[in-house]
Amino acid sequence: MAYFFIKNFILGPILHILFRPWVKGHKNIPRSGGAILASNHLSFSDSIFLPLKVRRPVAFLAKSEYFTGKGVKGALTRWFFKSTGQLPIDRSGGKASEDSLNTGLGVLERGLLLGIYPEGTRSPDAKLYRGRTGIARMVLEAKVPVIPVAMIDTEKVQPLGAKYPKIHRVGVVIGEPLDFTRFSGMEGERAVLRAVTDQIVYQIHKLSGQEYEDIYASTVRNRMARASA
């Protein structure tokens, strides 16, 4: 109820007036049943504009830090993420990764849409980077379609490190569903997981037109952080 109210009566109208978001390919999202929306990740605002332009509710796996902040800002952030269907996950690896997988599978088993960023983190420079294979494992275990999505110009609204958003028109391009059921039962094979992940990222690349680099975005961000230290 809170999700519907915030999207349609609070944030939605304001965002449409300010940013005039457009969408292409909405017909590619199934009207019912579980499915994964696999998107590039240019900005924090991706998790706002993508659900805004999709008629069905979308749940995202959000880093747990968004739910543990202190003070007024922390409380508001926590309220916003919970109200908009975001689910906290621990990204520290090991058992935390397994718990995140199970959380995502639970969303899909309930017949809902799950938003995932295969790159694992925001792009530091608007390029598209190598995907993490966790998405492939989830796809093969859940046996659901993957809909590739390209967010357009959201990095211009909220560049990495920016304190306040800037007014700029943004877009969402939704591709045709991808079916990987032919690989069912092979989620334990690394080569299969890498091949499925690469195909998903390639489809995102075709939709977004971004320059692609076959390296993890987190690696690039760490290098940039060390260089500026």
C-alpha atoms as a PDB file:
ATOM      1  CA  MET A   1       0.000   0.000   0.000  1.00  0.00           C
ATOM      2  CA  ALA A   2       2.792   2.408   0.926  1.00  0.00           C
ATOM      3  CA  TYR A   3       4.622   1.534  -2.298  1.00  0.00           C
ATOM      4  CA  PHE A   4       1.546   2.365  -4.402  1.00  0.00           C
ATOM      5  CA  PHE A   5       0.853   5.595  -2.532  1.00  0.00           C
ATOM      6  CA  ILE A   6       4.442   6.891  -2.702  1.00  0.00           C
ATOM      7  CA  LYS A   7       4.832   6.011  -6.370  1.00  0.00           C
ATOM      8  CA  ASN A   8       1.527   7.404  -7.595  1.00  0.00           C
ATOM      9  CA  PHE A   9       0.740  10.286  -5.250  1.00  0.00           C
ATOM     10  CA  ILE A  10       3.972  11.545  -3.641  1.00  0.00           C
ATOM     11  CA  LEU A  11       7.219  10.988  -5.517  1.00  0.00           C
ATOM     12  CA  GLY A  12       5.818   9.950  -8.891  1.00  0.00           C
ATOM     13  CA  PRO A  13       4.091  13.215  -9.896  1.00  0.00           C
ATOM     14  CA  ILE A  14       7.040  15.328  -8.704  1.00  0.00           C
ATOM     15  CA  LEU A  15       9.624  13.219 -10.553  1.00  0.00           C
ATOM     16  CA  HIS A  16       7.606  13.241 -13.761  1.00  0.00           C
ATOM     17  CA  ILE A  17       7.373  17.033 -13.706  1.00  0.00           C
ATOM     18  CA  LEU A  18      11.042  17.633 -12.898  1.00  0.00           C
ATOM     19  CA  PHE A  19      12.819  14.917 -14.884  1.00  0.00           C
ATOM     20  CA  ARG A  20      10.281  13.993 -17.613  1.00  0.00           C
ATOM     21  CA  PRO A  21      11.394  10.326 -17.663  1.00  0.00           C
ATOM     22  CA  TRP A  22      10.603   8.341 -20.798  1.00  0.00           C
ATOM     23  CA  VAL A  23      10.362   4.602 -21.334  1.00  0.00           C
ATOM     24  CA  LYS A  24      10.722   2.345 -24.367  1.00  0.00           C
ATOM     25  CA  GLY A  25       9.812  -1.354 -24.541  1.00  0.00           C
ATOM     26  CA  HIS A  26       7.440  -1.565 -21.607  1.00  0.00           C
ATOM     27  CA  LYS A  27       5.516  -4.326 -23.403  1.00  0.00           C
ATOM     28  CA  ASN A  28       8.505  -6.630 -22.814  1.00  0.00           C
ATOM     29  CA  ILE A  29       7.712  -6.931 -19.102  1.00  0.00           C
ATOM     30  CA  PRO A  30       5.364  -9.865 -18.379  1.00  0.00           C
ATOM     31  CA  ARG A  31       2.056  -8.890 -16.815  1.00  0.00           C
ATOM     32  CA  SER A  32       2.407 -11.515 -14.093  1.00  0.00           C
ATOM     33  CA  GLY A  33       4.857 -14.012 -12.660  1.00  0.00           C
ATOM     34  CA  GLY A  34       8.375 -13.734 -11.330  1.00  0.00           C
ATOM     35  CA  ALA A  35      11.041 -12.136 -13.504  1.00  0.00           C
ATOM     36  CA  ILE A  36      14.380 -10.390 -13.110  1.00  0.00           C
ATOM     37  CA  LEU A  37      14.989  -6.871 -14.387  1.00  0.00           C
ATOM     38  CA  ALA A  38      18.748  -6.776 -15.056  1.00  0.00           C
ATOM     39  CA  SER A  39      19.905  -3.184 -15.383  1.00  0.00           C
ATOM     40  CA  ASN A  40      23.067  -1.179 -15.828  1.00  0.00           C
ATOM     41  CA  HIS A  41      23.852   0.960 -12.785  1.00  0.00           C
ATOM     42  CA  LEU A  42      24.803   4.585 -13.361  1.00  0.00           C
ATOM     43  CA  SER A  43      23.349   6.300 -10.316  1.00  0.00           C
ATOM     44  CA  PHE A  44      21.642   5.851  -6.965  1.00  0.00           C
ATOM     45  CA  SER A  45      18.538   7.198  -8.710  1.00  0.00           C
ATOM     46  CA  ASP A  46      18.315   4.088 -10.958  1.00  0.00           C
ATOM     47  CA  SER A  47      16.396   2.382  -8.148  1.00  0.00           C
ATOM     48  CA  ILE A  48      13.914   5.259  -8.236  1.00  0.00           C
ATOM     49  CA  PHE A  49      13.383   5.863 -11.946  1.00  0.00           C
ATOM     50  CA  LEU A  50      13.167   2.209 -13.010  1.00  0.00           C
ATOM     51  CA  PRO A  51      10.250   1.338 -10.667  1.00  0.00           C
ATOM     52  CA  LEU A  52       8.661   4.669 -11.564  1.00  0.00           C
ATOM     53  CA  LYS A  53       8.359   3.647 -15.232  1.00  0.00           C
ATOM     54  CA  VAL A  54       7.316   0.033 -14.616  1.00  0.00           C
ATOM     55  CA  ARG A  55       3.649  -0.566 -13.848  1.00  0.00           C
ATOM     56  CA  ARG A  56       4.268  -3.580 -11.610  1.00  0.00           C
ATOM     57  CA  PRO A  57       6.046  -3.164  -8.253  1.00  0.00           C
ATOM     58  CA  VAL A  58       9.778  -3.849  -8.365  1.00  0.00           C
ATOM     59  CA  ALA A  59      11.825  -5.058  -5.394  1.00  0.00           C
ATOM     60  CA  PHE A  60      15.561  -4.368  -5.251  1.00  0.00           C
ATOM     61  CA  LEU A  61      18.248  -5.962  -3.139  1.00  0.00           C
ATOM     62  CA  ALA A  62      19.776  -2.912  -1.418  1.00  0.00           C
ATOM     63  CA  LYS A  63      22.932  -2.828   0.679  1.00  0.00           C
ATOM     64  CA  SER A  64      22.172  -3.150   4.380  1.00  0.00           C
ATOM     65  CA  GLU A  65      23.854   0.175   5.204  1.00  0.00           C
ATOM     66  CA  TYR A  66      20.785   1.982   3.874  1.00  0.00           C
ATOM     67  CA  PHE A  67      18.725   0.438   6.695  1.00  0.00           C
ATOM     68  CA  THR A  68      21.074   1.097   9.598  1.00  0.00           C
ATOM     69  CA  GLY A  69      21.759   4.841   9.405  1.00  0.00           C
ATOM     70  CA  LYS A  70      21.416   6.970  12.521  1.00  0.00           C
ATOM     71  CA  GLY A  71      19.627  10.210  13.225  1.00  0.00           C
ATOM     72  CA  VAL A  72      16.852  11.832  11.203  1.00  0.00           C
ATOM     73  CA  LYS A  73      18.531  11.173   7.856  1.00  0.00           C
ATOM     74  CA  GLY A  74      19.011   7.505   8.718  1.00  0.00           C
ATOM     75  CA  ALA A  75      15.395   7.154   9.800  1.00  0.00           C
ATOM     76  CA  LEU A  76      14.090   8.804   6.631  1.00  0.00           C
ATOM     77  CA  THR A  77      16.322   6.679   4.429  1.00  0.00           C
ATOM     78  CA  ARG A  78      15.224   3.510   6.218  1.00  0.00           C
ATOM     79  CA  TRP A  79      11.553   4.474   5.887  1.00  0.00           C
ATOM     80  CA  PHE A  80      11.940   5.228   2.189  1.00  0.00           C
ATOM     81  CA  PHE A  81      13.683   1.960   1.345  1.00  0.00           C
ATOM     82  CA  LYS A  82      11.239  -0.158   3.326  1.00  0.00           C
ATOM     83  CA  SER A  83       8.219   1.662   1.912  1.00  0.00           C
ATOM     84  CA  THR A  84       9.379   1.199  -1.675  1.00  0.00           C
ATOM     85  CA  GLY A  85       9.985  -2.521  -1.378  1.00  0.00           C
ATOM     86  CA  GLN A  86      13.776  -2.517  -1.049  1.00  0.00           C
ATOM     87  CA  LEU A  87      15.281  -5.517   0.724  1.00  0.00           C
ATOM     88  CA  PRO A  88      18.451  -5.258   2.852  1.00  0.00           C
ATOM     89  CA  ILE A  89      21.364  -7.543   1.965  1.00  0.00           C
ATOM     90  CA  ASP A  90      24.852  -7.984   3.364  1.00  0.00           C
ATOM     91  CA  ARG A  91      27.405  -7.758   0.526  1.00  0.00           C
ATOM     92  CA  SER A  92      30.400  -8.948   2.559  1.00  0.00           C
ATOM     93  CA  GLY A  93      30.523 -12.322   0.790  1.00  0.00           C
ATOM     94  CA  GLY A  94      30.497 -15.901   2.123  1.00  0.00           C
ATOM     95  CA  LYS A  95      27.295 -16.797   3.960  1.00  0.00           C
ATOM     96  CA  ALA A  96      26.021 -13.258   3.331  1.00  0.00           C
ATOM     97  CA  SER A  97      26.051 -13.940  -0.422  1.00  0.00           C
ATOM     98  CA  GLU A  98      24.056 -17.127   0.132  1.00  0.00           C
ATOM     99  CA  ASP A  99      21.530 -15.233   2.246  1.00  0.00           C
ATOM    100  CA  SER A 100      21.209 -12.593  -0.489  1.00  0.00           C
ATOM    101  CA  LEU A 101      20.576 -15.298  -3.070  1.00  0.00           C
ATOM    102  CA  ASN A 102      17.847 -16.822  -0.912  1.00  0.00           C
ATOM    103  CA  THR A 103      16.247 -13.405  -0.374  1.00  0.00           C
ATOM    104  CA  GLY A 104      16.094 -12.838  -4.128  1.00  0.00           C
ATOM    105  CA  LEU A 105      14.739 -16.324  -4.773  1.00  0.00           C
ATOM    106  CA  GLY A 106      12.008 -15.685  -2.220  1.00  0.00           C
ATOM    107  CA  VAL A 107      10.891 -12.590  -4.146  1.00  0.00           C
ATOM    108  CA  LEU A 108      10.779 -14.521  -7.414  1.00  0.00           C
ATOM    109  CA  GLU A 109       8.938 -17.477  -5.871  1.00  0.00           C
ATOM    110  CA  ARG A 110       6.174 -15.065  -4.869  1.00  0.00           C
ATOM    111  CA  GLY A 111       5.750 -14.137  -8.527  1.00  0.00           C
ATOM    112  CA  LEU A 112       7.213 -10.643  -8.181  1.00  0.00           C
ATOM    113  CA  LEU A 113       9.675  -8.538 -10.188  1.00  0.00           C
ATOM    114  CA  LEU A 114      13.218  -8.377  -8.825  1.00  0.00           C
ATOM    115  CA  GLY A 115      15.605  -5.628  -9.902  1.00  0.00           C
ATOM    116  CA  ILE A 116      19.291  -6.574 -10.057  1.00  0.00           C
ATOM    117  CA  TYR A 117      22.429  -4.720 -11.135  1.00  0.00           C
ATOM    118  CA  PRO A 118      24.725  -7.401 -12.607  1.00  0.00           C
ATOM    119  CA  GLU A 119      27.775  -5.116 -12.265  1.00  0.00           C
ATOM    120  CA  GLY A 120      27.351  -5.298  -8.498  1.00  0.00           C
ATOM    121  CA  THR A 121      27.976  -1.597  -7.909  1.00  0.00           C
ATOM    122  CA  ARG A 122      27.543   1.756  -9.635  1.00  0.00           C
ATOM    123  CA  SER A 123      29.747   2.519 -12.606  1.00  0.00           C
ATOM    124  CA  PRO A 124      32.383   5.095 -11.630  1.00  0.00           C
ATOM    125  CA  ASP A 125      32.551   6.650 -15.107  1.00  0.00           C
ATOM    126  CA  ALA A 126      29.343   5.762 -17.004  1.00  0.00           C
ATOM    127  CA  LYS A 127      30.969   2.754 -18.705  1.00  0.00           C
ATOM    128  CA  LEU A 128      29.469  -0.738 -18.550  1.00  0.00           C
ATOM    129  CA  TYR A 129      31.533  -3.292 -16.660  1.00  0.00           C
ATOM    130  CA  ARG A 130      31.773  -7.051 -16.222  1.00  0.00           C
ATOM    131  CA  GLY A 131      28.834  -8.729 -14.518  1.00  0.00           C
ATOM    132  CA  ARG A 132      28.947 -10.733 -11.314  1.00  0.00           C
ATOM    133  CA  THR A 133      27.759 -14.313 -11.756  1.00  0.00           C
ATOM    134  CA  GLY A 134      25.356 -14.210  -8.802  1.00  0.00           C
ATOM    135  CA  ILE A 135      22.604 -13.128 -11.169  1.00  0.00           C
ATOM    136  CA  ALA A 136      23.137 -16.220 -13.338  1.00  0.00           C
ATOM    137  CA  ARG A 137      22.866 -18.565 -10.378  1.00  0.00           C
ATOM    138  CA  MET A 138      19.637 -16.889  -9.302  1.00  0.00           C
ATOM    139  CA  VAL A 139      18.203 -17.096 -12.827  1.00  0.00           C
ATOM    140  CA  LEU A 140      18.980 -20.791 -13.193  1.00  0.00           C
ATOM    141  CA  GLU A 141      17.649 -21.715  -9.763  1.00  0.00           C
ATOM    142  CA  ALA A 142      14.455 -19.667 -10.073  1.00  0.00           C
ATOM    143  CA  LYS A 143      13.840 -20.595 -13.736  1.00  0.00           C
ATOM    144  CA  VAL A 144      12.456 -17.146 -14.524  1.00  0.00           C
ATOM    145  CA  PRO A 145      12.985 -14.854 -17.537  1.00  0.00           C
ATOM    146  CA  VAL A 146      15.537 -12.048 -17.450  1.00  0.00           C
ATOM    147  CA  ILE A 147      14.547  -8.680 -18.916  1.00  0.00           C
ATOM    148  CA  PRO A 148      17.606  -6.555 -19.805  1.00  0.00           C
ATOM    149  CA  VAL A 149      17.207  -2.866 -18.976  1.00  0.00           C
ATOM    150  CA  ALA A 150      19.253   0.212 -19.857  1.00  0.00           C
ATOM    151  CA  MET A 151      19.041   3.320 -17.721  1.00  0.00           C
ATOM    152  CA  ILE A 152      19.800   6.405 -19.793  1.00  0.00           C
ATOM    153  CA  ASP A 153      21.461   9.587 -18.452  1.00  0.00           C
ATOM    154  CA  THR A 154      20.752   8.912 -14.777  1.00  0.00           C
ATOM    155  CA  GLU A 155      24.428   9.592 -14.021  1.00  0.00           C
ATOM    156  CA  LYS A 156      23.767  13.185 -15.088  1.00  0.00           C
ATOM    157  CA  VAL A 157      21.057  13.491 -12.458  1.00  0.00           C
ATOM    158  CA  GLN A 158      23.168  12.189  -9.607  1.00  0.00           C
ATOM    159  CA  PRO A 159      26.873  11.673 -10.434  1.00  0.00           C
ATOM    160  CA  LEU A 160      28.873   9.440  -8.132  1.00  0.00           C
ATOM    161  CA  GLY A 161      29.667  11.432  -4.994  1.00  0.00           C
ATOM    162  CA  ALA A 162      27.179  14.232  -5.725  1.00  0.00           C
ATOM    163  CA  LYS A 163      25.366  15.504  -2.656  1.00  0.00           C
ATOM    164  CA  TYR A 164      22.259  16.790  -4.447  1.00  0.00           C
ATOM    165  CA  PRO A 165      20.534  15.689  -7.684  1.00  0.00           C
ATOM    166  CA  LYS A 166      20.523  17.811 -10.829  1.00  0.00           C
ATOM    167  CA  ILE A 167      17.576  18.302 -13.159  1.00  0.00           C
ATOM    168  CA  HIS A 168      18.082  16.309 -16.365  1.00  0.00           C
ATOM    169  CA  ARG A 169      15.782  14.180 -18.469  1.00  0.00           C
ATOM    170  CA  VAL A 170      16.299  10.423 -18.079  1.00  0.00           C
ATOM    171  CA  GLY A 171      15.104   7.333 -19.896  1.00  0.00           C
ATOM    172  CA  VAL A 172      14.525   3.599 -19.499  1.00  0.00           C
ATOM    173  CA  VAL A 173      14.955   1.118 -22.361  1.00  0.00           C
ATOM    174  CA  ILE A 174      13.514  -2.349 -21.724  1.00  0.00           C
ATOM    175  CA  GLY A 175      14.670  -5.242 -23.896  1.00  0.00           C
ATOM    176  CA  GLU A 176      13.052  -8.533 -24.820  1.00  0.00           C
ATOM    177  CA  PRO A 177      13.033 -11.303 -22.185  1.00  0.00           C
ATOM    178  CA  LEU A 178      15.926 -13.771 -22.153  1.00  0.00           C
ATOM    179  CA  ASP A 179      15.237 -17.468 -21.477  1.00  0.00           C
ATOM    180  CA  PHE A 180      17.975 -19.561 -19.881  1.00  0.00           C
ATOM    181  CA  THR A 181      15.912 -22.617 -18.905  1.00  0.00           C
ATOM    182  CA  ARG A 182      18.083 -24.723 -21.239  1.00  0.00           C
ATOM    183  CA  PHE A 183      20.787 -24.453 -18.557  1.00  0.00           C
ATOM    184  CA  SER A 184      18.559 -25.610 -15.683  1.00  0.00           C
ATOM    185  CA  GLY A 185      20.436 -27.828 -13.244  1.00  0.00           C
ATOM    186  CA  MET A 186      23.813 -26.392 -14.278  1.00  0.00           C
ATOM    187  CA  GLU A 187      23.991 -23.574 -11.716  1.00  0.00           C
ATOM    188  CA  GLY A 188      27.026 -25.264 -10.135  1.00  0.00           C
ATOM    189  CA  GLU A 189      29.134 -24.968 -13.293  1.00  0.00           C
ATOM    190  CA  ARG A 190      31.272 -21.834 -13.374  1.00  0.00           C
ATOM    191  CA  ALA A 191      31.591 -21.734 -17.155  1.00  0.00           C
ATOM    192  CA  VAL A 192      27.812 -21.773 -17.527  1.00  0.00           C
ATOM    193  CA  LEU A 193      27.341 -19.035 -14.916  1.00  0.00           C
ATOM    194  CA  ARG A 194      29.908 -16.850 -16.674  1.00  0.00           C
ATOM    195  CA  ALA A 195      28.357 -17.451 -20.103  1.00  0.00           C
ATOM    196  CA  VAL A 196      24.845 -16.592 -18.873  1.00  0.00           C
ATOM    197  CA  THR A 197      26.086 -13.471 -17.073  1.00  0.00           C
ATOM    198  CA  ASP A 198      28.031 -12.281 -20.121  1.00  0.00           C
ATOM    199  CA  GLN A 199      25.002 -12.721 -22.362  1.00  0.00           C
ATOM    200  CA  ILE A 200      22.853 -10.652 -19.993  1.00  0.00           C
ATOM    201  CA  VAL A 201      25.445  -7.867 -19.846  1.00  0.00           C
ATOM    202  CA  TYR A 202      25.853  -7.970 -23.630  1.00  0.00           C
ATOM    203  CA  GLN A 203      22.118  -7.376 -24.086  1.00  0.00           C
ATOM    204  CA  ILE A 204      22.290  -4.442 -21.660  1.00  0.00           C
ATOM    205  CA  HIS A 205      25.223  -3.114 -23.689  1.00  0.00           C
ATOM    206  CA  LYS A 206      23.180  -3.281 -26.903  1.00  0.00           C
ATOM    207  CA  LEU A 207      20.349  -1.326 -25.282  1.00  0.00           C
ATOM    208  CA  SER A 208      22.469   1.296 -23.531  1.00  0.00           C
ATOM    209  CA  GLY A 209      25.194   1.910 -26.098  1.00  0.00           C
ATOM    210  CA  GLN A 210      27.715   2.284 -23.264  1.00  0.00           C
ATOM    211  CA  GLU A 211      31.404   1.627 -23.750  1.00  0.00           C
ATOM    212  CA  TYR A 212      32.165  -1.800 -22.271  1.00  0.00           C
ATOM    213  CA  GLU A 213      35.229  -2.866 -20.294  1.00  0.00           C
ATOM    214  CA  ASP A 214      35.794  -6.487 -19.275  1.00  0.00           C
ATOM    215  CA  ILE A 215      36.763  -5.718 -15.696  1.00  0.00           C
ATOM    216  CA  TYR A 216      34.720  -5.385 -12.510  1.00  0.00           C
ATOM    217  CA  ALA A 217      33.430  -1.907 -11.682  1.00  0.00           C
ATOM    218  CA  SER A 218      34.519  -2.363  -8.074  1.00  0.00           C
ATOM    219  CA  THR A 219      38.114  -2.881  -9.221  1.00  0.00           C
ATOM    220  CA  VAL A 220      38.047   0.370 -11.164  1.00  0.00           C
ATOM    221  CA  ARG A 221      36.508   2.252  -8.236  1.00  0.00           C
ATOM    222  CA  ASN A 222      39.203   0.953  -5.884  1.00  0.00           C
ATOM    223  CA  ARG A 223      41.925   2.032  -8.287  1.00  0.00           C
ATOM    224  CA  MET A 224      40.410   5.484  -8.567  1.00  0.00           C
ATOM    225  CA  ALA A 225      40.151   5.767  -4.781  1.00  0.00           C
ATOM    226  CA  ARG A 226      43.817   4.821  -4.326  1.00  0.00           C
ATOM    227  CA  ALA A 227      44.884   7.275  -7.024  1.00  0.00           C
ATOM    228  CA  SER A 228      43.065  10.156  -5.328  1.00  0.00           C
ATOM    229  CA  ALA A 229      44.260   9.295  -1.815  1.00  0.00           C
END
